[in-house]
Protein backbone atom coordinates (compact mmCIF):
# COMPACT_ATOMS: atom_id res chain seq x y z
CA MET A 1 5.62 -11.65 16.49
CA TRP A 2 7.79 -9.25 14.50
CA CYS A 3 5.99 -10.06 11.23
CA LEU A 4 2.69 -8.76 12.57
CA ILE A 5 4.39 -5.59 13.77
CA ALA A 6 5.94 -5.09 10.32
CA VAL A 7 2.55 -5.53 8.61
CA SER A 8 0.88 -3.17 11.09
CA GLU A 9 3.53 -0.47 10.66
CA ARG A 10 3.39 -0.61 6.88
CA LEU A 11 -0.40 -0.59 6.87
CA ASN A 12 -0.40 2.48 9.14
CA THR A 13 2.09 4.22 6.83
CA MET A 14 -0.15 3.50 3.85
CA ILE A 15 -3.28 4.69 5.66
CA ALA A 16 -1.51 7.89 6.73
CA GLU A 17 -1.09 8.87 3.06
CA MET A 18 -4.77 8.34 2.17
CA PRO A 19 -6.10 11.82 3.02
CA ALA A 20 -3.48 13.57 0.89
CA VAL A 21 -4.08 11.15 -2.00
CA VAL A 22 -7.85 11.55 -1.88
CA CYS A 23 -7.72 15.36 -1.60
CA GLY A 24 -4.97 15.68 -4.19
CA GLU A 25 -3.02 17.98 -1.86
CA ASP A 26 0.39 16.61 -2.68
CA SER A 27 1.29 14.88 -5.94
CA ASP A 28 4.10 13.01 -4.18
CA SER A 29 1.60 11.39 -1.80
CA ILE A 30 0.56 8.92 -4.52
CA ARG A 31 4.17 7.81 -4.88
CA ARG A 32 4.61 7.49 -1.12
CA MET A 33 1.41 5.47 -0.79
CA ARG A 34 2.51 3.16 -3.62
CA VAL A 35 5.85 2.60 -1.90
CA ALA A 36 4.07 1.86 1.37
CA SER A 37 1.71 -0.57 -0.37
CA ARG A 38 4.63 -2.46 -1.96
CA ARG A 39 6.35 -2.71 1.41
CA LEU A 40 3.09 -3.90 2.96
CA ALA A 41 2.72 -6.57 0.26
CA VAL A 42 6.24 -7.86 0.99
CA ALA A 43 5.56 -7.94 4.74
CA MET A 44 2.32 -9.86 4.16
CA LYS A 45 4.13 -12.32 1.91
CA ILE A 46 6.72 -12.94 4.63
CA LEU A 47 3.95 -13.37 7.19
CA GLY A 48 2.18 -15.76 4.82
CA ASN A 49 5.35 -17.82 4.64
CA LYS A 50 5.16 -18.05 8.43
CA GLY A 51 1.76 -19.78 8.16
CA ALA A 52 -0.65 -16.87 8.57
CA LEU A 53 -1.60 -16.59 4.90
CA THR A 54 -5.28 -17.51 5.30
CA GLU A 55 -5.83 -14.72 7.82
CA MET A 56 -4.09 -12.23 5.52
CA ARG A 57 -5.97 -13.17 2.35
CA PRO A 58 -8.72 -10.49 2.61
CA LEU A 59 -6.20 -7.75 3.37
CA GLU A 60 -3.92 -9.00 0.62
CA LYS A 61 -6.74 -8.76 -1.94
CA ARG A 62 -7.66 -5.23 -0.86
CA VAL A 63 -4.08 -4.05 -0.97
CA ARG A 64 -3.67 -5.54 -4.45
CA LYS A 65 -6.77 -3.64 -5.63
CA ILE A 66 -5.54 -0.40 -4.05
CA ARG A 67 -2.14 -0.88 -5.69
CA ARG A 68 -3.75 -1.19 -9.13
CA ILE A 69 -5.77 1.98 -8.54
CA LEU A 70 -2.71 3.84 -7.30
CA GLY A 71 -0.78 2.71 -10.36
CA CYS A 72 -3.42 4.26 -12.64
CA ALA A 73 -3.47 7.42 -10.54
CA ARG A 74 0.32 7.68 -10.67
CA ASP A 75 0.30 7.22 -14.46
CA LEU A 76 -2.19 10.08 -14.78
CA ASP A 77 -0.19 12.22 -12.38
CA VAL A 78 2.99 11.69 -14.43
CA GLN A 79 1.14 12.58 -17.64
CA ILE A 80 -0.18 15.78 -16.06
CA GLN A 81 3.30 16.78 -14.89
CA SER A 82 4.81 16.15 -18.34
């Protein structure tokens, strides 16, 4: 199913940015991880429309929480760069 592949690819992209975000190596990594998380949320929404929403609920909640945290981190990063 192409929807599952899309979710998997976007989740892997998001996970790939985690080490750089946690270590603070690259200020752009926060932005890239936020973009990946938005794309993941859209892919999960599409998959949910295909009837797999109940299976995606735990992942959806975690991604939403991570997105809120990344938003705060990005706000701080922008303030530091200003």
